[in-house]
Amino acid sequence: MSTATAPLDLAALEAGQFIDAKGTSTHYHDVGEGKPLLLLHGSGPGVSAWANWRHAIPALAESHRVIAMDSVGFGLTERPDSVRYSLRTWTDHVWDLLDALGIDQVSVVGNSLGGRLALQMAEDHPERLDRIVLMGAPGVGMTMTEGLKALRAYEPSPEAMESLLKNHFAVDKSIITDDLVQIRYEASAAPGAHEAYRKMFFDPEHAGGELGITEEQVAKVTMPTLLVHGLEDAVVPVDVAWTMLRLLPDADLHVFARCGHWTQIERSAEFNELVAGFVG
């Protein structure tokens, strides 16, 4: 006799919770049981863990304990006045969250900036990572694309957000609903959000744009890695994924046709099945 699993409380899941991660009040979502799986979002305006992973969290939580965090400077996580945004800052914040949760080893799914954080984590403490998934992630050969320029040039308005999402994120523009535009716009215009975004990538005292990685660094990432990319990604070209495939010692690549930078949204069901199989 089987017992039906209680349905997820999506409202509570979306609301998330907070924890002190070495002095930074950190907003995150934590659902499911089993091997821990950490989801790291990208760096687009208005991004958060829920905005990035809302289609993936419930599906992946069927087989894993899923943790999705708002990186410092994004979402509802604290934006300390003293923070210096950089790859090191963001990566240390991830480690601080995992330590606060008492998680010793984890698999990581990183989207865009989150993928670069996953690679840095693999360099920092490879023994603490089981597997990594790099989705639309920058790497060796990354250049300043028109899509990335559009992200960095964004100034908050509903019209600008709609243009950004339709012209640079999705191939299937029908997924860019009015609700999605409004949610992302409101998050990008929340108190302190745009100011933090400008600091990260334009203030010379910060280093949010310094995300380069060398071939030597990539070659040392030895844990099993899955590269996932949209063929028509306008932010991070698919050629970057092909280059990384040749450099990573133990990597597979899955390219989704008719898909842009939002694989986890444009091809959500297939993406969730692919990731669950790989990390499971």
C-alpha atoms as a PDB file:
ATOM      1  CA  MET A   1       0.000   0.000   0.000  1.00  0.00           C
ATOM      2  CA  SER A   2       1.563   3.319  -1.083  1.00  0.00           C
ATOM      3  CA  THR A   3       1.223   6.614   0.708  1.00  0.00           C
ATOM      4  CA  ALA A   4       0.690   9.702  -1.445  1.00  0.00           C
ATOM      5  CA  THR A   5       3.240  12.452  -1.032  1.00  0.00           C
ATOM      6  CA  ALA A   6       1.763  15.658   0.300  1.00  0.00           C
ATOM      7  CA  PRO A   7       1.742  18.429  -2.327  1.00  0.00           C
ATOM      8  CA  LEU A   8       4.316  21.166  -1.937  1.00  0.00           C
ATOM      9  CA  ASP A   9       3.164  24.429  -0.406  1.00  0.00           C
ATOM     10  CA  LEU A  10       4.334  26.613  -3.299  1.00  0.00           C
ATOM     11  CA  ALA A  11       3.501  29.859  -1.509  1.00  0.00           C
ATOM     12  CA  ALA A  12       5.705  28.901   1.435  1.00  0.00           C
ATOM     13  CA  LEU A  13       8.385  27.614  -0.920  1.00  0.00           C
ATOM     14  CA  GLU A  14       8.426  30.871  -2.873  1.00  0.00           C
ATOM     15  CA  ALA A  15       8.625  32.878   0.363  1.00  0.00           C
ATOM     16  CA  GLY A  16      11.771  31.009   1.410  1.00  0.00           C
ATOM     17  CA  GLN A  17      13.606  31.613   4.660  1.00  0.00           C
ATOM     18  CA  PHE A  18      16.624  33.398   6.083  1.00  0.00           C
ATOM     19  CA  ILE A  19      19.814  32.264   7.778  1.00  0.00           C
ATOM     20  CA  ASP A  20      22.904  34.043   9.054  1.00  0.00           C
ATOM     21  CA  ALA A  21      25.773  33.034   6.749  1.00  0.00           C
ATOM     22  CA  LYS A  22      28.866  34.320   8.541  1.00  0.00           C
ATOM     23  CA  GLY A  23      27.279  37.694   9.258  1.00  0.00           C
ATOM     24  CA  THR A  24      25.189  38.069   6.081  1.00  0.00           C
ATOM     25  CA  SER A  25      21.428  37.602   6.362  1.00  0.00           C
ATOM     26  CA  THR A  26      20.883  35.200   3.469  1.00  0.00           C
ATOM     27  CA  HIS A  27      17.591  34.364   1.791  1.00  0.00           C
ATOM     28  CA  TYR A  28      17.237  30.831   0.459  1.00  0.00           C
ATOM     29  CA  HIS A  29      14.828  28.016  -0.382  1.00  0.00           C
ATOM     30  CA  ASP A  30      15.288  24.548   1.106  1.00  0.00           C
ATOM     31  CA  VAL A  31      12.969  21.716   0.092  1.00  0.00           C
ATOM     32  CA  GLY A  32      13.054  17.957  -0.373  1.00  0.00           C
ATOM     33  CA  GLU A  33      15.117  15.138   1.082  1.00  0.00           C
ATOM     34  CA  GLY A  34      18.133  13.165  -0.038  1.00  0.00           C
ATOM     35  CA  LYS A  35      21.495  14.180  -1.435  1.00  0.00           C
ATOM     36  CA  PRO A  36      21.891  17.967  -1.319  1.00  0.00           C
ATOM     37  CA  LEU A  37      21.693  19.850  -4.613  1.00  0.00           C
ATOM     38  CA  LEU A  38      22.619  23.537  -4.674  1.00  0.00           C
ATOM     39  CA  LEU A  39      21.176  25.849  -7.353  1.00  0.00           C
ATOM     40  CA  LEU A  40      23.058  29.086  -8.118  1.00  0.00           C
ATOM     41  CA  HIS A  41      21.372  31.827 -10.162  1.00  0.00           C
ATOM     42  CA  GLY A  42      22.834  34.205 -12.747  1.00  0.00           C
ATOM     43  CA  SER A  43      23.460  37.949 -12.614  1.00  0.00           C
ATOM     44  CA  GLY A  44      20.696  39.499 -14.732  1.00  0.00           C
ATOM     45  CA  PRO A  45      18.729  42.456 -13.369  1.00  0.00           C
ATOM     46  CA  GLY A  46      15.832  41.380 -11.176  1.00  0.00           C
ATOM     47  CA  VAL A  47      17.242  37.887 -10.709  1.00  0.00           C
ATOM     48  CA  SER A  48      16.748  35.819  -7.585  1.00  0.00           C
ATOM     49  CA  ALA A  49      16.820  32.138  -6.715  1.00  0.00           C
ATOM     50  CA  TRP A  50      13.062  31.835  -7.153  1.00  0.00           C
ATOM     51  CA  ALA A  51      12.913  33.845 -10.390  1.00  0.00           C
ATOM     52  CA  ASN A  52      15.696  31.702 -11.829  1.00  0.00           C
ATOM     53  CA  TRP A  53      14.711  28.265 -10.539  1.00  0.00           C
ATOM     54  CA  ARG A  54      10.949  28.317  -9.881  1.00  0.00           C
ATOM     55  CA  HIS A  55      10.330  25.579 -12.465  1.00  0.00           C
ATOM     56  CA  ALA A  56      13.268  23.461 -11.308  1.00  0.00           C
ATOM     57  CA  ILE A  57      12.980  23.516  -7.512  1.00  0.00           C
ATOM     58  CA  PRO A  58       9.757  21.497  -7.125  1.00  0.00           C
ATOM     59  CA  ALA A  59      10.774  18.964  -9.795  1.00  0.00           C
ATOM     60  CA  LEU A  60      14.304  18.370  -8.504  1.00  0.00           C
ATOM     61  CA  ALA A  61      13.050  18.224  -4.899  1.00  0.00           C
ATOM     62  CA  GLU A  62      11.290  14.956  -5.778  1.00  0.00           C
ATOM     63  CA  SER A  63      14.675  13.211  -5.578  1.00  0.00           C
ATOM     64  CA  HIS A  64      17.029  15.617  -3.763  1.00  0.00           C
ATOM     65  CA  ARG A  65      17.283  18.126  -0.972  1.00  0.00           C
ATOM     66  CA  VAL A  66      17.303  21.299  -3.073  1.00  0.00           C
ATOM     67  CA  ILE A  67      18.878  24.496  -1.766  1.00  0.00           C
ATOM     68  CA  ALA A  68      18.554  27.659  -3.881  1.00  0.00           C
ATOM     69  CA  MET A  69      20.095  30.848  -2.509  1.00  0.00           C
ATOM     70  CA  ASP A  70      20.013  34.547  -3.301  1.00  0.00           C
ATOM     71  CA  SER A  71      23.674  35.495  -3.674  1.00  0.00           C
ATOM     72  CA  VAL A  72      24.825  38.559  -1.774  1.00  0.00           C
ATOM     73  CA  GLY A  73      23.598  41.666  -3.594  1.00  0.00           C
ATOM     74  CA  PHE A  74      20.669  39.850  -5.217  1.00  0.00           C
ATOM     75  CA  GLY A  75      17.101  39.023  -4.283  1.00  0.00           C
ATOM     76  CA  LEU A  76      16.227  39.343  -0.614  1.00  0.00           C
ATOM     77  CA  THR A  77      19.701  38.624   0.728  1.00  0.00           C
ATOM     78  CA  GLU A  78      21.311  41.461   2.646  1.00  0.00           C
ATOM     79  CA  ARG A  79      23.424  44.019   0.776  1.00  0.00           C
ATOM     80  CA  PRO A  80      26.024  45.060   3.359  1.00  0.00           C
ATOM     81  CA  ASP A  81      27.450  48.553   2.872  1.00  0.00           C
ATOM     82  CA  SER A  82      30.949  47.135   3.350  1.00  0.00           C
ATOM     83  CA  VAL A  83      30.694  44.385   0.711  1.00  0.00           C
ATOM     84  CA  ARG A  84      33.052  44.387  -2.272  1.00  0.00           C
ATOM     85  CA  TYR A  85      31.334  42.465  -5.062  1.00  0.00           C
ATOM     86  CA  SER A  86      33.621  39.961  -6.765  1.00  0.00           C
ATOM     87  CA  LEU A  87      33.922  36.327  -7.751  1.00  0.00           C
ATOM     88  CA  ARG A  88      35.684  35.680  -4.444  1.00  0.00           C
ATOM     89  CA  THR A  89      32.960  37.405  -2.425  1.00  0.00           C
ATOM     90  CA  TRP A  90      30.153  35.482  -4.104  1.00  0.00           C
ATOM     91  CA  THR A  91      31.964  32.142  -3.832  1.00  0.00           C
ATOM     92  CA  ASP A  92      32.830  32.668  -0.169  1.00  0.00           C
ATOM     93  CA  HIS A  93      29.182  33.495   0.464  1.00  0.00           C
ATOM     94  CA  VAL A  94      28.175  30.118  -0.989  1.00  0.00           C
ATOM     95  CA  TRP A  95      30.605  28.310   1.297  1.00  0.00           C
ATOM     96  CA  ASP A  96      29.323  30.340   4.257  1.00  0.00           C
ATOM     97  CA  LEU A  97      25.736  29.268   3.517  1.00  0.00           C
ATOM     98  CA  LEU A  98      26.680  25.599   3.190  1.00  0.00           C
ATOM     99  CA  ASP A  99      28.629  25.775   6.450  1.00  0.00           C
ATOM    100  CA  ALA A 100      25.688  27.450   8.186  1.00  0.00           C
ATOM    101  CA  LEU A 101      23.446  24.607   6.969  1.00  0.00           C
ATOM    102  CA  GLY A 102      25.984  21.958   8.012  1.00  0.00           C
ATOM    103  CA  ILE A 103      26.373  20.586   4.475  1.00  0.00           C
ATOM    104  CA  ASP A 104      29.775  19.005   3.844  1.00  0.00           C
ATOM    105  CA  GLN A 105      29.333  17.838   0.247  1.00  0.00           C
ATOM    106  CA  VAL A 106      26.949  18.950  -2.486  1.00  0.00           C
ATOM    107  CA  SER A 107      26.264  18.821  -6.197  1.00  0.00           C
ATOM    108  CA  VAL A 108      25.911  22.237  -7.820  1.00  0.00           C
ATOM    109  CA  VAL A 109      23.838  23.525 -10.729  1.00  0.00           C
ATOM    110  CA  GLY A 110      25.050  26.956 -11.795  1.00  0.00           C
ATOM    111  CA  ASN A 111      23.331  29.216 -14.318  1.00  0.00           C
ATOM    112  CA  SER A 112      25.518  31.828 -16.034  1.00  0.00           C
ATOM    113  CA  LEU A 113      27.327  33.620 -13.165  1.00  0.00           C
ATOM    114  CA  GLY A 114      26.304  30.697 -10.966  1.00  0.00           C
ATOM    115  CA  GLY A 115      28.218  28.366 -13.280  1.00  0.00           C
ATOM    116  CA  ARG A 116      31.360  30.435 -12.835  1.00  0.00           C
ATOM    117  CA  LEU A 117      30.872  30.216  -9.062  1.00  0.00           C
ATOM    118  CA  ALA A 118      30.591  26.431  -9.373  1.00  0.00           C
ATOM    119  CA  LEU A 119      33.915  26.315 -11.222  1.00  0.00           C
ATOM    120  CA  GLN A 120      35.541  28.409  -8.510  1.00  0.00           C
ATOM    121  CA  MET A 121      34.104  26.102  -5.865  1.00  0.00           C
ATOM    122  CA  ALA A 122      35.653  23.164  -7.721  1.00  0.00           C
ATOM    123  CA  GLU A 123      38.994  24.930  -7.549  1.00  0.00           C
ATOM    124  CA  ASP A 124      38.602  25.855  -3.872  1.00  0.00           C
ATOM    125  CA  HIS A 125      37.425  22.565  -2.367  1.00  0.00           C
ATOM    126  CA  PRO A 126      36.975  19.775  -4.924  1.00  0.00           C
ATOM    127  CA  GLU A 127      36.411  17.264  -2.132  1.00  0.00           C
ATOM    128  CA  ARG A 128      33.192  19.068  -1.177  1.00  0.00           C
ATOM    129  CA  LEU A 129      31.633  18.783  -4.639  1.00  0.00           C
ATOM    130  CA  ASP A 130      30.089  15.597  -6.000  1.00  0.00           C
ATOM    131  CA  ARG A 131      29.022  16.740  -9.491  1.00  0.00           C
ATOM    132  CA  ILE A 132      28.498  20.075 -11.207  1.00  0.00           C
ATOM    133  CA  VAL A 133      26.149  21.280 -13.918  1.00  0.00           C
ATOM    134  CA  LEU A 134      27.154  24.400 -15.875  1.00  0.00           C
ATOM    135  CA  MET A 135      24.137  25.926 -17.623  1.00  0.00           C
ATOM    136  CA  GLY A 136      24.759  28.828 -19.998  1.00  0.00           C
ATOM    137  CA  ALA A 137      27.933  29.430 -18.021  1.00  0.00           C
ATOM    138  CA  PRO A 138      30.838  31.676 -19.041  1.00  0.00           C
ATOM    139  CA  GLY A 139      34.239  30.074 -19.467  1.00  0.00           C
ATOM    140  CA  VAL A 140      37.333  30.047 -21.651  1.00  0.00           C
ATOM    141  CA  GLY A 141      36.695  32.059 -24.815  1.00  0.00           C
ATOM    142  CA  MET A 142      33.942  34.224 -23.329  1.00  0.00           C
ATOM    143  CA  THR A 143      33.657  37.692 -24.889  1.00  0.00           C
ATOM    144  CA  MET A 144      31.373  40.687 -24.390  1.00  0.00           C
ATOM    145  CA  THR A 145      28.269  39.743 -26.389  1.00  0.00           C
ATOM    146  CA  GLU A 146      25.384  41.970 -27.436  1.00  0.00           C
ATOM    147  CA  GLY A 147      23.208  40.145 -24.925  1.00  0.00           C
ATOM    148  CA  LEU A 148      25.630  40.803 -22.097  1.00  0.00           C
ATOM    149  CA  LYS A 149      25.922  44.457 -23.113  1.00  0.00           C
ATOM    150  CA  ALA A 150      22.133  44.728 -22.959  1.00  0.00           C
ATOM    151  CA  LEU A 151      22.082  43.237 -19.455  1.00  0.00           C
ATOM    152  CA  ARG A 152      24.671  45.691 -18.218  1.00  0.00           C
ATOM    153  CA  ALA A 153      22.991  48.692 -19.889  1.00  0.00           C
ATOM    154  CA  TYR A 154      19.595  47.987 -18.322  1.00  0.00           C
ATOM    155  CA  GLU A 155      17.835  50.827 -16.519  1.00  0.00           C
ATOM    156  CA  PRO A 156      14.700  49.851 -14.576  1.00  0.00           C
ATOM    157  CA  SER A 157      11.366  50.216 -16.375  1.00  0.00           C
ATOM    158  CA  PRO A 158       8.724  47.682 -17.421  1.00  0.00           C
ATOM    159  CA  GLU A 159       9.420  48.457 -21.080  1.00  0.00           C
ATOM    160  CA  ALA A 160      13.161  47.963 -20.716  1.00  0.00           C
ATOM    161  CA  MET A 161      12.672  44.678 -18.872  1.00  0.00           C
ATOM    162  CA  GLU A 162      10.267  43.373 -21.527  1.00  0.00           C
ATOM    163  CA  SER A 163      12.728  44.297 -24.286  1.00  0.00           C
ATOM    164  CA  LEU A 164      15.620  42.669 -22.440  1.00  0.00           C
ATOM    165  CA  LEU A 165      13.813  39.395 -21.821  1.00  0.00           C
ATOM    166  CA  LYS A 166      12.256  39.093 -25.268  1.00  0.00           C
ATOM    167  CA  ASN A 167      15.268  40.157 -27.307  1.00  0.00           C
ATOM    168  CA  HIS A 168      18.137  38.575 -25.397  1.00  0.00           C
ATOM    169  CA  PHE A 169      16.930  35.746 -23.146  1.00  0.00           C
ATOM    170  CA  ALA A 170      14.297  33.641 -24.863  1.00  0.00           C
ATOM    171  CA  VAL A 171      13.869  32.241 -28.338  1.00  0.00           C
ATOM    172  CA  ASP A 172      10.217  31.447 -27.626  1.00  0.00           C
ATOM    173  CA  LYS A 173       8.927  34.908 -26.793  1.00  0.00           C
ATOM    174  CA  SER A 174       5.548  33.520 -25.718  1.00  0.00           C
ATOM    175  CA  ILE A 175       7.082  32.537 -22.364  1.00  0.00           C
ATOM    176  CA  ILE A 176       7.729  36.225 -21.601  1.00  0.00           C
ATOM    177  CA  THR A 177       4.381  36.940 -19.987  1.00  0.00           C
ATOM    178  CA  ASP A 178       3.258  40.254 -18.535  1.00  0.00           C
ATOM    179  CA  ASP A 179       3.476  38.706 -15.064  1.00  0.00           C
ATOM    180  CA  LEU A 180       7.073  37.594 -15.616  1.00  0.00           C
ATOM    181  CA  VAL A 181       8.046  41.044 -16.889  1.00  0.00           C
ATOM    182  CA  GLN A 182       6.390  42.726 -13.917  1.00  0.00           C
ATOM    183  CA  ILE A 183       7.985  40.395 -11.373  1.00  0.00           C
ATOM    184  CA  ARG A 184      11.460  40.875 -12.815  1.00  0.00           C
ATOM    185  CA  TYR A 185      10.982  44.632 -13.193  1.00  0.00           C
ATOM    186  CA  GLU A 186       9.794  45.075  -9.609  1.00  0.00           C
ATOM    187  CA  ALA A 187      12.740  43.046  -8.307  1.00  0.00           C
ATOM    188  CA  SER A 188      15.186  45.099 -10.394  1.00  0.00           C
ATOM    189  CA  ALA A 189      13.707  48.342  -9.042  1.00  0.00           C
ATOM    190  CA  ALA A 190      13.453  47.291  -5.386  1.00  0.00           C
ATOM    191  CA  PRO A 191      15.218  49.614  -2.913  1.00  0.00           C
ATOM    192  CA  GLY A 192      18.968  49.210  -3.309  1.00  0.00           C
ATOM    193  CA  ALA A 193      18.764  46.590  -6.065  1.00  0.00           C
ATOM    194  CA  HIS A 194      19.791  48.671  -9.077  1.00  0.00           C
ATOM    195  CA  GLU A 195      22.385  50.565  -7.062  1.00  0.00           C
ATOM    196  CA  ALA A 196      23.987  47.240  -6.087  1.00  0.00           C
ATOM    197  CA  TYR A 197      23.812  46.031  -9.689  1.00  0.00           C
ATOM    198  CA  ARG A 198      25.613  49.149 -10.921  1.00  0.00           C
ATOM    199  CA  LYS A 199      28.271  48.759  -8.230  1.00  0.00           C
ATOM    200  CA  MET A 200      28.965  45.141  -9.144  1.00  0.00           C
ATOM    201  CA  PHE A 201      29.758  45.779 -12.773  1.00  0.00           C
ATOM    202  CA  PHE A 202      30.650  49.461 -13.148  1.00  0.00           C
ATOM    203  CA  ASP A 203      32.204  50.738  -9.919  1.00  0.00           C
ATOM    204  CA  PRO A 204      36.020  50.373 -10.114  1.00  0.00           C
ATOM    205  CA  GLU A 205      36.082  49.522  -6.412  1.00  0.00           C
ATOM    206  CA  HIS A 206      34.168  46.335  -7.197  1.00  0.00           C
ATOM    207  CA  ALA A 207      35.078  43.415  -9.457  1.00  0.00           C
ATOM    208  CA  GLY A 208      31.805  41.748 -10.432  1.00  0.00           C
ATOM    209  CA  GLY A 209      32.794  41.639 -14.089  1.00  0.00           C
ATOM    210  CA  GLU A 210      36.145  39.927 -13.499  1.00  0.00           C
ATOM    211  CA  LEU A 211      35.045  36.362 -14.155  1.00  0.00           C
ATOM    212  CA  GLY A 212      37.772  35.079 -16.454  1.00  0.00           C
ATOM    213  CA  ILE A 213      39.166  31.569 -16.146  1.00  0.00           C
ATOM    214  CA  THR A 214      42.237  29.954 -17.689  1.00  0.00           C
ATOM    215  CA  GLU A 215      42.586  26.678 -19.543  1.00  0.00           C
ATOM    216  CA  GLU A 216      44.844  25.441 -16.735  1.00  0.00           C
ATOM    217  CA  GLN A 217      42.148  26.125 -14.130  1.00  0.00           C
ATOM    218  CA  VAL A 218      39.497  24.322 -16.152  1.00  0.00           C
ATOM    219  CA  ALA A 219      41.716  21.276 -16.727  1.00  0.00           C
ATOM    220  CA  LYS A 220      41.940  20.774 -12.949  1.00  0.00           C
ATOM    221  CA  VAL A 221      38.162  20.392 -12.530  1.00  0.00           C
ATOM    222  CA  THR A 222      38.062  16.609 -12.300  1.00  0.00           C
ATOM    223  CA  MET A 223      34.582  15.827 -10.921  1.00  0.00           C
ATOM    224  CA  PRO A 224      31.883  14.724 -13.390  1.00  0.00           C
ATOM    225  CA  THR A 225      30.495  17.799 -15.142  1.00  0.00           C
ATOM    226  CA  LEU A 226      27.449  18.356 -17.315  1.00  0.00           C
ATOM    227  CA  LEU A 227      27.407  21.342 -19.656  1.00  0.00           C
ATOM    228  CA  VAL A 228      23.920  22.481 -20.668  1.00  0.00           C
ATOM    229  CA  HIS A 229      23.487  25.215 -23.276  1.00  0.00           C
ATOM    230  CA  GLY A 230      20.892  26.755 -25.552  1.00  0.00           C
ATOM    231  CA  LEU A 231      21.961  26.704 -29.182  1.00  0.00           C
ATOM    232  CA  GLU A 232      20.759  30.284 -29.653  1.00  0.00           C
ATOM    233  CA  ASP A 233      22.086  31.715 -26.384  1.00  0.00           C
ATOM    234  CA  ALA A 234      22.658  35.439 -27.035  1.00  0.00           C
ATOM    235  CA  VAL A 235      24.348  36.102 -23.683  1.00  0.00           C
ATOM    236  CA  VAL A 236      26.931  33.282 -23.517  1.00  0.00           C
ATOM    237  CA  PRO A 237      27.563  31.782 -26.993  1.00  0.00           C
ATOM    238  CA  VAL A 238      27.324  28.018 -27.325  1.00  0.00           C
ATOM    239  CA  ASP A 239      30.898  28.027 -28.651  1.00  0.00           C
ATOM    240  CA  VAL A 240      32.041  28.639 -25.067  1.00  0.00           C
ATOM    241  CA  ALA A 241      30.447  25.339 -24.038  1.00  0.00           C
ATOM    242  CA  TRP A 242      32.202  23.470 -26.873  1.00  0.00           C
ATOM    243  CA  THR A 243      35.529  24.935 -25.745  1.00  0.00           C
ATOM    244  CA  MET A 244      34.900  23.959 -22.135  1.00  0.00           C
ATOM    245  CA  LEU A 245      33.913  20.440 -23.213  1.00  0.00           C
ATOM    246  CA  ARG A 246      37.333  19.956 -24.776  1.00  0.00           C
ATOM    247  CA  LEU A 247      39.127  21.268 -21.675  1.00  0.00           C
ATOM    248  CA  LEU A 248      37.224  19.576 -18.849  1.00  0.00           C
ATOM    249  CA  PRO A 249      38.586  16.097 -18.052  1.00  0.00           C
ATOM    250  CA  ASP A 250      35.183  14.467 -17.363  1.00  0.00           C
ATOM    251  CA  ALA A 251      32.387  16.369 -19.088  1.00  0.00           C
ATOM    252  CA  ASP A 252      29.286  15.783 -21.184  1.00  0.00           C
ATOM    253  CA  LEU A 253      27.481  18.470 -23.194  1.00  0.00           C
ATOM    254  CA  HIS A 254      23.769  18.743 -23.950  1.00  0.00           C
ATOM    255  CA  VAL A 255      22.700  21.462 -26.395  1.00  0.00           C
ATOM    256  CA  PHE A 256      19.019  22.399 -26.634  1.00  0.00           C
ATOM    257  CA  ALA A 257      17.850  23.536 -30.074  1.00  0.00           C
ATOM    258  CA  ARG A 258      15.492  26.520 -30.363  1.00  0.00           C
ATOM    259  CA  CYS A 259      16.621  27.709 -26.956  1.00  0.00           C
ATOM    260  CA  GLY A 260      18.403  30.770 -25.610  1.00  0.00           C
ATOM    261  CA  HIS A 261      19.974  31.622 -22.255  1.00  0.00           C
ATOM    262  CA  TRP A 262      17.045  30.289 -20.214  1.00  0.00           C
ATOM    263  CA  THR A 263      17.294  26.537 -20.697  1.00  0.00           C
ATOM    264  CA  GLN A 264      15.735  25.909 -17.285  1.00  0.00           C
ATOM    265  CA  ILE A 265      12.645  27.922 -18.304  1.00  0.00           C
ATOM    266  CA  GLU A 266      12.354  27.440 -22.077  1.00  0.00           C
ATOM    267  CA  ARG A 267      12.912  23.676 -21.876  1.00  0.00           C
ATOM    268  CA  SER A 268      12.079  23.185 -18.200  1.00  0.00           C
ATOM    269  CA  ALA A 269      10.708  19.628 -18.218  1.00  0.00           C
ATOM    270  CA  GLU A 270      13.581  18.264 -20.303  1.00  0.00           C
ATOM    271  CA  PHE A 271      16.121  20.265 -18.309  1.00  0.00           C
ATOM    272  CA  ASN A 272      14.815  18.938 -14.991  1.00  0.00           C
ATOM    273  CA  GLU A 273      14.859  15.339 -16.220  1.00  0.00           C
ATOM    274  CA  LEU A 274      18.390  15.736 -17.596  1.00  0.00           C
ATOM    275  CA  VAL A 275      19.774  17.259 -14.393  1.00  0.00           C
ATOM    276  CA  ALA A 276      18.003  14.842 -12.071  1.00  0.00           C
ATOM    277  CA  GLY A 277      19.417  11.904 -14.008  1.00  0.00           C
ATOM    278  CA  PHE A 278      22.931  13.321 -13.983  1.00  0.00           C
ATOM    279  CA  VAL A 279      23.170  14.253 -10.313  1.00  0.00           C
ATOM    280  CA  GLY A 280      21.135  11.245  -9.171  1.00  0.00           C
END
